[in-house]
Structure formats: C-alpha cells, structure tokens
Protein backbone atom coordinates (compact mmCIF):
# COMPACT_ATOMS: atom_id res chain seq x y z
CA MET A 1 263.55 29.91 -45.60
CA THR A 2 267.20 29.44 -44.76
CA GLN A 3 269.76 31.19 -42.81
CA ASP A 4 274.09 31.58 -43.31
CA VAL A 5 274.20 30.76 -39.33
CA GLU A 6 277.20 28.73 -37.77
CA ASP A 7 276.44 26.49 -35.23
CA CYS A 8 277.97 27.90 -31.67
CA ASN A 9 278.52 26.03 -28.90
CA ALA A 10 280.55 28.29 -26.22
CA VAL A 11 280.31 29.15 -22.68
CA ARG A 12 282.44 31.66 -20.67
CA LEU A 13 281.58 31.34 -16.65
CA VAL A 14 282.68 33.25 -13.71
CA GLY A 15 281.82 31.61 -10.16
CA ARG A 16 282.62 29.98 -7.18
CA VAL A 17 284.22 26.40 -7.08
CA SER A 18 282.00 24.46 -4.90
CA SER A 19 284.35 21.55 -3.80
CA ALA A 20 287.69 20.41 -4.47
CA PRO A 21 288.36 19.62 -8.32
CA ALA A 22 288.65 15.49 -8.13
CA ALA A 23 290.52 13.77 -10.69
CA LYS A 24 288.39 10.34 -12.03
CA GLU A 25 289.68 6.96 -13.98
CA LEU A 26 287.38 5.37 -16.32
CA PRO A 27 286.98 2.35 -17.04
CA SER A 28 288.94 2.81 -20.31
CA GLY A 29 291.91 4.22 -18.48
CA ASP A 30 290.92 7.91 -19.18
CA VAL A 31 291.61 10.41 -16.60
CA VAL A 32 288.82 13.16 -16.12
CA LEU A 33 288.79 16.07 -13.89
CA LEU A 34 285.73 17.05 -12.51
CA PHE A 35 284.13 19.98 -10.47
CA ARG A 36 281.30 22.36 -9.72
CA LEU A 37 280.95 26.06 -10.23
CA VAL A 38 278.24 27.86 -8.33
CA VAL A 39 277.18 30.95 -10.79
CA ARG A 40 275.08 33.83 -9.32
CA ARG A 41 272.05 34.78 -11.57
CA PRO A 42 271.68 38.09 -12.28
CA ALA A 43 269.85 40.34 -10.13
CA GLY A 44 266.31 40.94 -11.16
CA HIS A 45 266.43 37.26 -12.88
CA VAL A 46 262.59 35.74 -12.48
CA SER A 47 263.16 33.14 -10.57
CA ARG A 48 263.37 32.26 -6.93
CA GLN A 49 266.57 29.96 -7.56
CA SER A 50 269.87 32.74 -6.98
CA VAL A 51 272.14 30.56 -8.28
CA ASP A 52 273.47 27.77 -10.76
CA VAL A 53 275.44 24.23 -10.07
CA LEU A 54 276.92 23.52 -13.19
CA GLU A 55 279.25 20.17 -13.77
CA CYS A 56 282.58 20.81 -15.28
CA SER A 57 284.65 18.35 -16.89
CA VAL A 58 288.60 18.69 -17.85
CA TRP A 59 290.12 16.40 -20.12
CA VAL A 60 293.15 18.03 -21.16
CA PRO A 61 296.28 16.84 -18.89
CA ARG A 62 297.99 20.45 -18.98
CA LEU A 63 294.67 21.97 -17.81
CA GLN A 64 293.92 19.04 -15.27
CA ARG A 65 297.15 20.06 -13.04
CA THR A 66 296.60 23.61 -13.19
CA MET A 67 292.61 23.39 -12.36
CA GLY A 68 293.71 20.46 -9.82
CA ALA A 69 295.22 23.21 -7.67
CA TRP A 70 291.85 25.00 -7.51
CA ARG A 71 290.21 24.96 -3.96
CA GLU A 72 286.68 25.09 -2.87
CA GLY A 73 285.78 28.95 -2.85
CA ASP A 74 288.12 29.56 -5.57
CA GLN A 75 286.89 32.29 -7.75
CA VAL A 76 287.42 31.50 -11.03
CA GLU A 77 286.95 31.98 -15.20
CA VAL A 78 286.24 28.75 -17.16
CA GLU A 79 285.33 28.68 -21.27
CA GLY A 80 284.00 25.49 -22.90
CA ALA A 81 281.03 23.78 -24.32
CA VAL A 82 278.73 22.17 -23.44
CA ARG A 83 278.50 18.30 -23.63
CA ARG A 84 276.09 15.71 -23.47
CA ARG A 85 278.11 12.64 -22.12
CA PHE A 86 276.66 8.83 -22.24
CA TYR A 87 278.19 6.33 -19.88
CA ARG A 88 277.20 2.78 -18.24
CA ALA A 89 276.12 2.42 -14.92
CA GLY A 90 275.39 -1.12 -13.73
CA GLN A 91 272.57 -2.58 -16.88
CA ALA A 92 271.78 0.75 -17.95
CA THR A 93 273.00 3.85 -19.77
CA VAL A 94 272.70 7.00 -18.61
CA SER A 95 273.36 10.62 -19.37
CA ARG A 96 274.72 14.15 -17.83
CA VAL A 97 275.34 17.52 -19.28
CA GLU A 98 278.26 19.13 -18.34
CA VAL A 99 280.48 22.25 -19.38
CA GLU A 100 283.55 20.50 -20.93
CA VAL A 101 286.39 22.88 -19.93
CA GLY A 102 289.13 24.16 -22.77
CA ARG A 103 290.43 27.48 -20.91
CA GLY A 104 290.31 28.42 -17.04
CA ARG A 105 291.69 31.02 -14.90
CA LEU A 106 291.74 31.57 -11.45
CA ARG A 107 290.30 34.92 -10.70
CA ARG A 108 290.59 35.10 -6.73
CA ARG A 109 292.11 32.62 -4.17
CA ALA A 110 289.63 31.68 -1.61
CA ASP A 111 290.50 33.04 2.04
CA VAL A 112 291.91 30.58 4.10
CA ALA A 113 289.82 30.13 7.46
C-alpha cells in the first residue's frame, strides 16, 4: 500500500533561551550562531522529565544579527527543521542533532536582575 503523503520536517518551538547565543566560526569559514532552547513539556506528560533542552543553529546572517541579541531567559518562538550535522572532532567523525532555525521572534524579554 502506497500513500501520496509528502515528507515534512518542520518544527515550531516556544521556549526560554538558556544562555546567550554564541557565534562560532567553522574551519570552512562559515559562521553559525548556536543557542539552547528550554521547552516545557505539557502537563500530564508520562515522564519525570519536565523540559526538553534543544540545540539550535542559525546559519543566515540576517537572522544571526537579530537572534544574537537574545539574552538568557528570553521567551522566544522559532521555526525550522531538525537536522543531523556531521563534523570532525580530532580523528573521529561525530554528529549532533539540532534545530536549524529559519524564522524566529522574541515573545518576551527576560527581566533584568
């Protein structure tokens, strides 16, 4: 049985930035902005874990400028796709799963202490 269903890799997350985004220059010369997003799990979820901490990457310079101003504790909304990125670390090839952000907005600025 075959189905005419298109594949879809799209995510929308609303959560809290866990630490200030940081730019990283790769050996290729490309720059990626990296940050972690803490997303609460819905009430009644059948796990003792109450949040998920998700790695996010931003490759578009225009978005890097905007999201680079986000601060720890800011509530943000991002949209993108789940990606598995491979890279060399020493002699080994390693990978990481991250959300490649294509859109994002600040929903609420964190209170300044």
